[in-house]
Amino acid sequence: MNKRMVIPFLIVIMTVLLLAGTAFAHAVFFQCWNNGDGTLSCEGGYTDGSSAAGATVNVTDDGGALLFSGKLDKSGELRFNKPSGDFTVTLDGGAGHSVIINSKDIK
């Protein structure tokens, strides 16, 4: 290989390797639903199949006041009493992984 081509070739290889690592990173998923009995259930995990067990879930009202805080169980699930009024459910999955669900989006 020509000496002038070595550096550009190495730059291309390093770029491909860095992008490949990003493609294999995992993202968090989180969903909540109304159980119809005055409780809500939420489930969280990662797109690579790993559980979000132990992740913190906070429920806040429109003013930001904490209404409930809990952690996902070993199955990545949490059940709690449905607050009255509008609220937000937030999963803190760590390492920049967070999901916010508005109460109006919970069916």
C-alpha atoms as a PDB file:
ATOM      1  CA  MET A   1       0.000   0.000   0.000  1.00  0.00           C
ATOM      2  CA  ASN A   2       1.203   3.484  -0.846  1.00  0.00           C
ATOM      3  CA  LYS A   3       2.455   5.418   2.212  1.00  0.00           C
ATOM      4  CA  ARG A   4       0.170   8.343   1.338  1.00  0.00           C
ATOM      5  CA  MET A   5      -2.846   6.041   1.551  1.00  0.00           C
ATOM      6  CA  VAL A   6      -2.101   4.549   4.985  1.00  0.00           C
ATOM      7  CA  ILE A   7      -3.448   7.456   7.083  1.00  0.00           C
ATOM      8  CA  PRO A   8      -6.733   7.887   5.129  1.00  0.00           C
ATOM      9  CA  PHE A   9      -7.206   4.113   5.194  1.00  0.00           C
ATOM     10  CA  LEU A  10      -6.728   4.001   8.978  1.00  0.00           C
ATOM     11  CA  ILE A  11      -9.156   6.912   9.433  1.00  0.00           C
ATOM     12  CA  VAL A  12     -11.813   5.073   7.432  1.00  0.00           C
ATOM     13  CA  ILE A  13     -11.286   1.853   9.406  1.00  0.00           C
ATOM     14  CA  MET A  14     -11.470   3.661  12.762  1.00  0.00           C
ATOM     15  CA  THR A  15     -14.656   5.478  11.716  1.00  0.00           C
ATOM     16  CA  VAL A  16     -16.309   2.215  10.690  1.00  0.00           C
ATOM     17  CA  LEU A  17     -15.351   0.573  13.984  1.00  0.00           C
ATOM     18  CA  LEU A  18     -16.685   3.497  16.029  1.00  0.00           C
ATOM     19  CA  LEU A  19     -19.973   3.528  14.136  1.00  0.00           C
ATOM     20  CA  ALA A  20     -20.354  -0.232  14.519  1.00  0.00           C
ATOM     21  CA  GLY A  21     -20.058   0.135  18.306  1.00  0.00           C
ATOM     22  CA  THR A  22     -22.840   2.703  18.302  1.00  0.00           C
ATOM     23  CA  ALA A  23     -25.082   0.401  16.281  1.00  0.00           C
ATOM     24  CA  PHE A  24     -24.816  -2.283  18.965  1.00  0.00           C
ATOM     25  CA  ALA A  25     -25.615   0.057  21.870  1.00  0.00           C
ATOM     26  CA  HIS A  26     -28.894  -0.539  23.649  1.00  0.00           C
ATOM     27  CA  ALA A  27     -31.803   1.807  24.147  1.00  0.00           C
ATOM     28  CA  VAL A  28     -34.377   1.788  26.925  1.00  0.00           C
ATOM     29  CA  PHE A  29     -38.065   1.011  26.452  1.00  0.00           C
ATOM     30  CA  PHE A  30     -40.790   1.801  28.970  1.00  0.00           C
ATOM     31  CA  GLN A  31     -44.552   1.432  28.850  1.00  0.00           C
ATOM     32  CA  CYS A  32     -47.379   1.874  31.326  1.00  0.00           C
ATOM     33  CA  TRP A  33     -50.989   0.740  31.211  1.00  0.00           C
ATOM     34  CA  ASN A  34     -54.160   1.135  33.256  1.00  0.00           C
ATOM     35  CA  ASN A  35     -55.202  -2.098  34.978  1.00  0.00           C
ATOM     36  CA  GLY A  36     -58.772  -0.852  35.331  1.00  0.00           C
ATOM     37  CA  ASP A  37     -58.794  -1.428  39.096  1.00  0.00           C
ATOM     38  CA  GLY A  38     -57.346   1.901  40.232  1.00  0.00           C
ATOM     39  CA  THR A  39     -53.759   0.783  39.624  1.00  0.00           C
ATOM     40  CA  LEU A  40     -51.223   1.254  36.857  1.00  0.00           C
ATOM     41  CA  SER A  41     -48.530  -1.168  35.751  1.00  0.00           C
ATOM     42  CA  CYS A  42     -45.290  -0.198  34.067  1.00  0.00           C
ATOM     43  CA  GLU A  43     -42.612  -2.315  32.435  1.00  0.00           C
ATOM     44  CA  GLY A  44     -39.107  -1.341  31.392  1.00  0.00           C
ATOM     45  CA  GLY A  45     -36.143  -2.948  29.729  1.00  0.00           C
ATOM     46  CA  TYR A  46     -33.486  -2.467  27.090  1.00  0.00           C
ATOM     47  CA  THR A  47     -33.590  -3.240  23.396  1.00  0.00           C
ATOM     48  CA  ASP A  48     -30.736  -5.720  23.806  1.00  0.00           C
ATOM     49  CA  GLY A  49     -33.068  -7.881  25.920  1.00  0.00           C
ATOM     50  CA  SER A  50     -31.614  -6.995  29.309  1.00  0.00           C
ATOM     51  CA  SER A  51     -33.888  -6.078  32.183  1.00  0.00           C
ATOM     52  CA  ALA A  52     -34.216  -2.616  33.696  1.00  0.00           C
ATOM     53  CA  ALA A  53     -34.695  -4.225  37.120  1.00  0.00           C
ATOM     54  CA  GLY A  54     -33.886  -1.797  39.905  1.00  0.00           C
ATOM     55  CA  ALA A  55     -34.435   1.281  37.752  1.00  0.00           C
ATOM     56  CA  THR A  56     -36.224   4.120  39.526  1.00  0.00           C
ATOM     57  CA  VAL A  57     -39.714   5.190  38.481  1.00  0.00           C
ATOM     58  CA  ASN A  58     -40.975   8.578  39.684  1.00  0.00           C
ATOM     59  CA  VAL A  59     -44.527   9.859  39.375  1.00  0.00           C
ATOM     60  CA  THR A  60     -44.933  13.632  39.596  1.00  0.00           C
ATOM     61  CA  ASP A  61     -47.859  16.005  39.297  1.00  0.00           C
ATOM     62  CA  ASP A  62     -47.968  18.921  36.848  1.00  0.00           C
ATOM     63  CA  GLY A  63     -46.201  21.135  39.382  1.00  0.00           C
ATOM     64  CA  GLY A  64     -43.313  18.659  39.731  1.00  0.00           C
ATOM     65  CA  ALA A  65     -44.294  17.415  43.200  1.00  0.00           C
ATOM     66  CA  LEU A  66     -43.366  13.772  43.781  1.00  0.00           C
ATOM     67  CA  LEU A  67     -46.483  11.610  44.123  1.00  0.00           C
ATOM     68  CA  PHE A  68     -44.824   8.179  44.087  1.00  0.00           C
ATOM     69  CA  SER A  69     -41.367   6.684  43.715  1.00  0.00           C
ATOM     70  CA  GLY A  70     -40.520   3.017  43.264  1.00  0.00           C
ATOM     71  CA  LYS A  71     -38.144   0.614  41.560  1.00  0.00           C
ATOM     72  CA  LEU A  72     -38.773  -1.944  38.851  1.00  0.00           C
ATOM     73  CA  ASP A  73     -38.767  -5.490  40.253  1.00  0.00           C
ATOM     74  CA  LYS A  74     -36.579  -8.345  38.987  1.00  0.00           C
ATOM     75  CA  SER A  75     -38.951  -8.764  36.027  1.00  0.00           C
ATOM     76  CA  GLY A  76     -38.648  -5.078  35.153  1.00  0.00           C
ATOM     77  CA  GLU A  77     -42.209  -4.337  36.308  1.00  0.00           C
ATOM     78  CA  LEU A  78     -43.880  -2.032  38.828  1.00  0.00           C
ATOM     79  CA  ARG A  79     -47.497  -1.652  39.942  1.00  0.00           C
ATOM     80  CA  PHE A  80     -48.824   1.351  41.865  1.00  0.00           C
ATOM     81  CA  ASN A  81     -52.039   3.212  42.670  1.00  0.00           C
ATOM     82  CA  LYS A  82     -53.174   5.556  39.920  1.00  0.00           C
ATOM     83  CA  PRO A  83     -52.889   9.187  41.043  1.00  0.00           C
ATOM     84  CA  SER A  84     -55.825  11.503  40.474  1.00  0.00           C
ATOM     85  CA  GLY A  85     -55.455  14.354  38.005  1.00  0.00           C
ATOM     86  CA  ASP A  86     -52.697  14.787  35.442  1.00  0.00           C
ATOM     87  CA  PHE A  87     -49.277  13.324  36.184  1.00  0.00           C
ATOM     88  CA  THR A  88     -46.045  12.197  34.569  1.00  0.00           C
ATOM     89  CA  VAL A  89     -44.292   8.837  34.968  1.00  0.00           C
ATOM     90  CA  THR A  90     -40.514   8.927  34.497  1.00  0.00           C
ATOM     91  CA  LEU A  91     -38.167   5.948  34.238  1.00  0.00           C
ATOM     92  CA  ASP A  92     -34.537   6.659  35.107  1.00  0.00           C
ATOM     93  CA  GLY A  93     -32.651   3.840  33.414  1.00  0.00           C
ATOM     94  CA  GLY A  94     -29.224   5.324  34.204  1.00  0.00           C
ATOM     95  CA  ALA A  95     -26.455   6.296  31.776  1.00  0.00           C
ATOM     96  CA  GLY A  96     -28.661   8.870  30.079  1.00  0.00           C
ATOM     97  CA  HIS A  97     -31.515   6.431  29.579  1.00  0.00           C
ATOM     98  CA  SER A  98     -34.771   8.031  30.655  1.00  0.00           C
ATOM     99  CA  VAL A  99     -38.327   7.838  29.383  1.00  0.00           C
ATOM    100  CA  ILE A 100     -41.175  10.179  30.294  1.00  0.00           C
ATOM    101  CA  ILE A 101     -44.827   9.175  29.881  1.00  0.00           C
ATOM    102  CA  ASN A 102     -47.670  11.655  30.292  1.00  0.00           C
ATOM    103  CA  SER A 103     -50.774  10.341  32.073  1.00  0.00           C
ATOM    104  CA  LYS A 104     -52.871  11.222  29.015  1.00  0.00           C
ATOM    105  CA  ASP A 105     -50.903   8.624  27.029  1.00  0.00           C
ATOM    106  CA  ILE A 106     -51.594   5.757  29.453  1.00  0.00           C
ATOM    107  CA  LYS A 107     -54.467   3.571  28.234  1.00  0.00           C
END
